[in-house]
Amino acid sequence: MIQQNLVSGSTMGMIAFAFWFFLINIHQMNEIHARGVVLLLMVFMQNVHVFNCRSETVSTFRVPLSRNWILILGVLLAQGIHIAAMHIPFMQTILNIAPITFREWAEALILAVPLLIVMEIFKQVRRKRHSEA
């Protein structure tokens, strides 16, 4: 499990840092808005990754969603809280974030998918290694 955490954490960190760099240096976005977009990316990556964590060896796509309705409810609730926080003025002040455009939502969602791909490859390599041993 340590290897899996290192791979997933490193992947999340690299994606988030690269996106931050892009938003600040290339897109010339102000820091407060970029922080909110990267926060959304991190929430999306965690929501994607939680489904990957249902099994350390079996592919995410082979574990039925119906196995854990509480997890699905928790992901939807967490995403809802994040959306609300971006639009409730006092939460915007506390978190120092602002509402995000549809395009930024799409970019963050697309950037969360590579984490799933990396972890699926990790699981496949790990299964292959254990079957050869």
C-alpha atoms as a PDB file:
ATOM      1  CA  MET A   1       0.000   0.000   0.000  1.00  0.00           C
ATOM      2  CA  ILE A   2       2.975   2.325   0.584  1.00  0.00           C
ATOM      3  CA  GLN A   3       3.954   2.031  -3.073  1.00  0.00           C
ATOM      4  CA  GLN A   4       0.398   2.797  -4.153  1.00  0.00           C
ATOM      5  CA  ASN A   5       0.276   5.893  -1.940  1.00  0.00           C
ATOM      6  CA  LEU A   6       3.624   7.100  -3.265  1.00  0.00           C
ATOM      7  CA  VAL A   7       2.537   6.653  -6.878  1.00  0.00           C
ATOM      8  CA  SER A   8      -0.865   8.290  -6.411  1.00  0.00           C
ATOM      9  CA  GLY A   9       0.466  11.119  -4.238  1.00  0.00           C
ATOM     10  CA  SER A  10       3.319  11.871  -6.634  1.00  0.00           C
ATOM     11  CA  THR A  11       0.964  11.841  -9.596  1.00  0.00           C
ATOM     12  CA  MET A  12      -1.481  14.196  -7.871  1.00  0.00           C
ATOM     13  CA  GLY A  13       1.340  16.496  -6.841  1.00  0.00           C
ATOM     14  CA  MET A  14       2.848  16.669 -10.322  1.00  0.00           C
ATOM     15  CA  ILE A  15      -0.502  17.294 -12.003  1.00  0.00           C
ATOM     16  CA  ALA A  16      -1.489  19.983  -9.480  1.00  0.00           C
ATOM     17  CA  PHE A  17       1.902  21.721  -9.670  1.00  0.00           C
ATOM     18  CA  ALA A  18       1.942  21.653 -13.485  1.00  0.00           C
ATOM     19  CA  PHE A  19      -1.590  23.067 -13.594  1.00  0.00           C
ATOM     20  CA  TRP A  20      -0.675  25.778 -11.062  1.00  0.00           C
ATOM     21  CA  PHE A  21       2.384  26.690 -13.123  1.00  0.00           C
ATOM     22  CA  PHE A  22       0.263  26.842 -16.275  1.00  0.00           C
ATOM     23  CA  LEU A  23      -2.429  28.995 -14.665  1.00  0.00           C
ATOM     24  CA  ILE A  24       0.001  31.479 -13.095  1.00  0.00           C
ATOM     25  CA  ASN A  25       2.763  31.722 -15.699  1.00  0.00           C
ATOM     26  CA  ILE A  26       1.155  30.921 -19.032  1.00  0.00           C
ATOM     27  CA  HIS A  27      -2.505  31.787 -18.529  1.00  0.00           C
ATOM     28  CA  GLN A  28      -1.555  34.831 -16.365  1.00  0.00           C
ATOM     29  CA  MET A  29      -4.359  34.094 -13.886  1.00  0.00           C
ATOM     30  CA  ASN A  30      -4.339  35.913 -10.542  1.00  0.00           C
ATOM     31  CA  GLU A  31      -3.248  33.865  -7.558  1.00  0.00           C
ATOM     32  CA  ILE A  32      -6.587  33.802  -5.729  1.00  0.00           C
ATOM     33  CA  HIS A  33      -8.484  32.498  -8.723  1.00  0.00           C
ATOM     34  CA  ALA A  34      -5.737  30.003  -9.608  1.00  0.00           C
ATOM     35  CA  ARG A  35      -5.817  28.703  -6.031  1.00  0.00           C
ATOM     36  CA  GLY A  36      -9.539  28.008  -6.363  1.00  0.00           C
ATOM     37  CA  VAL A  37      -9.097  26.202  -9.668  1.00  0.00           C
ATOM     38  CA  VAL A  38      -6.291  24.037  -8.276  1.00  0.00           C
ATOM     39  CA  LEU A  39      -8.405  23.316  -5.186  1.00  0.00           C
ATOM     40  CA  LEU A  40     -11.184  22.123  -7.507  1.00  0.00           C
ATOM     41  CA  LEU A  41      -8.646  19.947  -9.348  1.00  0.00           C
ATOM     42  CA  MET A  42      -7.542  18.398  -6.052  1.00  0.00           C
ATOM     43  CA  VAL A  43     -11.158  17.691  -5.062  1.00  0.00           C
ATOM     44  CA  PHE A  44     -11.769  16.063  -8.452  1.00  0.00           C
ATOM     45  CA  MET A  45      -8.589  13.968  -8.162  1.00  0.00           C
ATOM     46  CA  GLN A  46      -9.574  12.804  -4.680  1.00  0.00           C
ATOM     47  CA  ASN A  47     -13.078  11.947  -5.919  1.00  0.00           C
ATOM     48  CA  VAL A  48     -11.610   9.950  -8.805  1.00  0.00           C
ATOM     49  CA  HIS A  49      -9.005   8.296  -6.603  1.00  0.00           C
ATOM     50  CA  VAL A  50     -11.447   7.203  -3.912  1.00  0.00           C
ATOM     51  CA  PHE A  51     -13.076   4.867  -6.436  1.00  0.00           C
ATOM     52  CA  ASN A  52      -9.656   3.513  -7.352  1.00  0.00           C
ATOM     53  CA  CYS A  53      -8.949   2.759  -3.682  1.00  0.00           C
ATOM     54  CA  ARG A  54     -11.829   0.308  -3.390  1.00  0.00           C
ATOM     55  CA  SER A  55      -9.356  -2.434  -4.297  1.00  0.00           C
ATOM     56  CA  GLU A  56      -5.565  -2.567  -4.217  1.00  0.00           C
ATOM     57  CA  THR A  57      -5.353  -5.182  -6.965  1.00  0.00           C
ATOM     58  CA  VAL A  58      -8.595  -5.249  -8.959  1.00  0.00           C
ATOM     59  CA  SER A  59      -9.232  -2.685 -11.673  1.00  0.00           C
ATOM     60  CA  THR A  60     -11.525   0.198 -10.769  1.00  0.00           C
ATOM     61  CA  PHE A  61     -13.716  -0.770 -13.706  1.00  0.00           C
ATOM     62  CA  ARG A  62     -14.216  -4.318 -12.407  1.00  0.00           C
ATOM     63  CA  VAL A  63     -15.471  -3.343  -8.943  1.00  0.00           C
ATOM     64  CA  PRO A  64     -19.216  -2.600  -9.177  1.00  0.00           C
ATOM     65  CA  LEU A  65     -20.313   0.857  -8.032  1.00  0.00           C
ATOM     66  CA  SER A  66     -23.280  -0.750  -6.292  1.00  0.00           C
ATOM     67  CA  ARG A  67     -20.900  -2.278  -3.750  1.00  0.00           C
ATOM     68  CA  ASN A  68     -20.628   0.937  -1.777  1.00  0.00           C
ATOM     69  CA  TRP A  69     -23.517   3.404  -1.974  1.00  0.00           C
ATOM     70  CA  ILE A  70     -22.206   5.286   1.046  1.00  0.00           C
ATOM     71  CA  LEU A  71     -19.005   6.065  -0.848  1.00  0.00           C
ATOM     72  CA  ILE A  72     -20.974   7.405  -3.816  1.00  0.00           C
ATOM     73  CA  LEU A  73     -23.103   9.522  -1.488  1.00  0.00           C
ATOM     74  CA  GLY A  74     -19.960  10.806   0.262  1.00  0.00           C
ATOM     75  CA  VAL A  75     -18.337  11.826  -3.035  1.00  0.00           C
ATOM     76  CA  LEU A  76     -21.472  13.635  -4.165  1.00  0.00           C
ATOM     77  CA  LEU A  77     -21.779  15.335  -0.789  1.00  0.00           C
ATOM     78  CA  ALA A  78     -18.121  16.420  -0.785  1.00  0.00           C
ATOM     79  CA  GLN A  79     -18.450  17.816  -4.300  1.00  0.00           C
ATOM     80  CA  GLY A  80     -21.649  19.602  -3.321  1.00  0.00           C
ATOM     81  CA  ILE A  81     -19.977  21.170  -0.291  1.00  0.00           C
ATOM     82  CA  HIS A  82     -17.117  22.360  -2.476  1.00  0.00           C
ATOM     83  CA  ILE A  83     -19.511  23.877  -5.014  1.00  0.00           C
ATOM     84  CA  ALA A  84     -21.438  25.593  -2.227  1.00  0.00           C
ATOM     85  CA  ALA A  85     -18.221  26.943  -0.697  1.00  0.00           C
ATOM     86  CA  MET A  86     -17.300  28.560  -4.016  1.00  0.00           C
ATOM     87  CA  HIS A  87     -20.625  30.404  -4.152  1.00  0.00           C
ATOM     88  CA  ILE A  88     -21.355  31.313  -0.507  1.00  0.00           C
ATOM     89  CA  PRO A  89     -19.746  34.698   0.219  1.00  0.00           C
ATOM     90  CA  PHE A  90     -18.518  34.012   3.756  1.00  0.00           C
ATOM     91  CA  MET A  91     -16.980  30.685   2.620  1.00  0.00           C
ATOM     92  CA  GLN A  92     -15.315  32.458  -0.288  1.00  0.00           C
ATOM     93  CA  THR A  93     -13.719  34.791   2.243  1.00  0.00           C
ATOM     94  CA  ILE A  94     -12.616  32.006   4.594  1.00  0.00           C
ATOM     95  CA  LEU A  95     -11.142  29.854   1.810  1.00  0.00           C
ATOM     96  CA  ASN A  96     -10.051  32.848  -0.278  1.00  0.00           C
ATOM     97  CA  ILE A  97     -11.609  31.356  -3.438  1.00  0.00           C
ATOM     98  CA  ALA A  98     -13.971  32.589  -6.150  1.00  0.00           C
ATOM     99  CA  PRO A  99     -16.515  30.921  -8.447  1.00  0.00           C
ATOM    100  CA  ILE A 100     -15.013  29.060 -11.377  1.00  0.00           C
ATOM    101  CA  THR A 101     -15.976  29.152 -15.066  1.00  0.00           C
ATOM    102  CA  PHE A 102     -17.338  26.127 -16.912  1.00  0.00           C
ATOM    103  CA  ARG A 103     -14.124  25.910 -18.955  1.00  0.00           C
ATOM    104  CA  GLU A 104     -12.027  25.775 -15.788  1.00  0.00           C
ATOM    105  CA  TRP A 105     -14.312  23.046 -14.428  1.00  0.00           C
ATOM    106  CA  ALA A 106     -13.806  21.060 -17.624  1.00  0.00           C
ATOM    107  CA  GLU A 107     -10.029  21.523 -17.530  1.00  0.00           C
ATOM    108  CA  ALA A 108      -9.857  20.385 -13.895  1.00  0.00           C
ATOM    109  CA  LEU A 109     -12.065  17.374 -14.577  1.00  0.00           C
ATOM    110  CA  ILE A 110      -9.985  16.345 -17.591  1.00  0.00           C
ATOM    111  CA  LEU A 111      -6.784  16.705 -15.569  1.00  0.00           C
ATOM    112  CA  ALA A 112      -8.156  14.383 -12.868  1.00  0.00           C
ATOM    113  CA  VAL A 113      -8.487  11.476 -15.319  1.00  0.00           C
ATOM    114  CA  PRO A 114      -4.727  10.799 -15.764  1.00  0.00           C
ATOM    115  CA  LEU A 115      -4.584   9.813 -12.088  1.00  0.00           C
ATOM    116  CA  LEU A 116      -7.022   6.995 -12.808  1.00  0.00           C
ATOM    117  CA  ILE A 117      -4.959   5.891 -15.815  1.00  0.00           C
ATOM    118  CA  VAL A 118      -1.693   5.929 -13.832  1.00  0.00           C
ATOM    119  CA  MET A 119      -3.219   3.898 -11.017  1.00  0.00           C
ATOM    120  CA  GLU A 120      -4.737   1.363 -13.419  1.00  0.00           C
ATOM    121  CA  ILE A 121      -1.302   0.889 -15.015  1.00  0.00           C
ATOM    122  CA  PHE A 122       0.236   0.578 -11.534  1.00  0.00           C
ATOM    123  CA  LYS A 123      -2.258  -2.135 -10.576  1.00  0.00           C
ATOM    124  CA  GLN A 124      -1.662  -4.007 -13.832  1.00  0.00           C
ATOM    125  CA  VAL A 125       2.127  -3.923 -13.416  1.00  0.00           C
ATOM    126  CA  ARG A 126       1.785  -5.006  -9.808  1.00  0.00           C
ATOM    127  CA  ARG A 127      -0.495  -7.930 -10.746  1.00  0.00           C
ATOM    128  CA  LYS A 128       1.928  -8.991 -13.474  1.00  0.00           C
ATOM    129  CA  ARG A 129       4.883  -8.877 -11.059  1.00  0.00           C
ATOM    130  CA  HIS A 130       3.067 -10.931  -8.426  1.00  0.00           C
ATOM    131  CA  SER A 131       1.916 -13.540 -10.948  1.00  0.00           C
ATOM    132  CA  GLU A 132       5.508 -14.035 -12.181  1.00  0.00           C
ATOM    133  CA  ALA A 133       6.894 -14.469  -8.655  1.00  0.00           C
END
